[in-house]
Structures are given as C-alpha cells and as structure tokens.
Amino acid sequence: MLSTVTTLAAETAEHGEPAIPPVFVGVIALGLLIVLLLAVVSFGGGREHS
C-alpha cells in the first residue's frame, strides 16, 4: 500500500496535476459519512429513551 502511495505521489510531482481529482475524494468521503450516519440513526431508531 505504501509503495502505491509513493508511486502516485511521484507521478503527481512529475505531471503537476493530482492523480485523483480532489472532487472525487470529497464525494467519496461525503458518501461514507452519510452511510455511517444512516447506520447510526437506524441502529438507535427503535430504542426508547430512559
């Protein structure tokens, strides 16, 4: 994994543009957070408050 990151960093440094556009990273992060939020809400949805 580390060699892959190092290779991508070296390629990015040579070309001057990112290997993965930052927009895609943001969309993936947002999607993951929304999925986790839905999981937490669905897990706690049927419990009564004490």
C-alpha atoms as a PDB file:
ATOM      1  CA  MET A   1       0.000   0.000   0.000  1.00  0.00           C
ATOM      2  CA  LEU A   2       2.799   2.389   0.907  1.00  0.00           C
ATOM      3  CA  SER A   3       4.559   1.732  -2.385  1.00  0.00           C
ATOM      4  CA  THR A   4       1.355   2.578  -4.251  1.00  0.00           C
ATOM      5  CA  VAL A   5       1.027   5.865  -2.398  1.00  0.00           C
ATOM      6  CA  THR A   6       4.692   6.654  -3.049  1.00  0.00           C
ATOM      7  CA  THR A   7       4.282   5.866  -6.749  1.00  0.00           C
ATOM      8  CA  LEU A   8       1.190   8.050  -7.038  1.00  0.00           C
ATOM      9  CA  ALA A   9       2.968  10.877  -5.204  1.00  0.00           C
ATOM     10  CA  ALA A  10       5.950  10.631  -7.551  1.00  0.00           C
ATOM     11  CA  GLU A  11       3.705  10.661 -10.623  1.00  0.00           C
ATOM     12  CA  THR A  12       1.807  13.652  -9.282  1.00  0.00           C
ATOM     13  CA  ALA A  13       5.014  15.562  -8.656  1.00  0.00           C
ATOM     14  CA  GLU A  14       6.184  14.959 -12.228  1.00  0.00           C
ATOM     15  CA  HIS A  15       2.980  15.954 -14.005  1.00  0.00           C
ATOM     16  CA  GLY A  16       1.801  18.731 -11.732  1.00  0.00           C
ATOM     17  CA  GLU A  17      -1.817  17.564 -11.582  1.00  0.00           C
ATOM     18  CA  PRO A  18      -3.319  15.200  -8.992  1.00  0.00           C
ATOM     19  CA  ALA A  19      -3.707  11.511  -9.833  1.00  0.00           C
ATOM     20  CA  ILE A  20      -7.201  11.522  -8.295  1.00  0.00           C
ATOM     21  CA  PRO A  21      -9.186  14.767  -8.565  1.00  0.00           C
ATOM     22  CA  PRO A  22      -9.966  16.285  -5.150  1.00  0.00           C
ATOM     23  CA  VAL A  23     -13.667  16.384  -6.050  1.00  0.00           C
ATOM     24  CA  PHE A  24     -13.784  12.574  -6.169  1.00  0.00           C
ATOM     25  CA  VAL A  25     -12.080  12.312  -2.787  1.00  0.00           C
ATOM     26  CA  GLY A  26     -14.650  14.704  -1.320  1.00  0.00           C
ATOM     27  CA  VAL A  27     -17.585  12.833  -2.850  1.00  0.00           C
ATOM     28  CA  ILE A  28     -16.296   9.506  -1.532  1.00  0.00           C
ATOM     29  CA  ALA A  29     -15.738  10.960   1.955  1.00  0.00           C
ATOM     30  CA  LEU A  30     -19.197  12.559   1.984  1.00  0.00           C
ATOM     31  CA  GLY A  31     -20.838   9.329   0.829  1.00  0.00           C
ATOM     32  CA  LEU A  32     -19.051   7.341   3.529  1.00  0.00           C
ATOM     33  CA  LEU A  33     -20.108   9.792   6.230  1.00  0.00           C
ATOM     34  CA  ILE A  34     -23.734   9.723   5.063  1.00  0.00           C
ATOM     35  CA  VAL A  35     -23.756   5.916   5.106  1.00  0.00           C
ATOM     36  CA  LEU A  36     -22.317   5.908   8.630  1.00  0.00           C
ATOM     37  CA  LEU A  37     -24.872   8.489   9.754  1.00  0.00           C
ATOM     38  CA  LEU A  38     -27.729   6.405   8.360  1.00  0.00           C
ATOM     39  CA  ALA A  39     -26.327   3.319  10.100  1.00  0.00           C
ATOM     40  CA  VAL A  40     -26.231   5.116  13.462  1.00  0.00           C
ATOM     41  CA  VAL A  41     -29.741   6.509  13.044  1.00  0.00           C
ATOM     42  CA  SER A  42     -31.170   3.144  12.017  1.00  0.00           C
ATOM     43  CA  PHE A  43     -29.403   1.365  14.897  1.00  0.00           C
ATOM     44  CA  GLY A  44     -30.776   3.740  17.510  1.00  0.00           C
ATOM     45  CA  GLY A  45     -34.175   4.282  15.929  1.00  0.00           C
ATOM     46  CA  GLY A  46     -36.107   1.578  17.778  1.00  0.00           C
ATOM     47  CA  ARG A  47     -34.874   2.241  21.285  1.00  0.00           C
ATOM     48  CA  GLU A  48     -36.835   4.063  23.932  1.00  0.00           C
ATOM     49  CA  HIS A  49     -35.367   6.914  25.867  1.00  0.00           C
ATOM     50  CA  SER A  50     -34.767   6.246  29.533  1.00  0.00           C
END
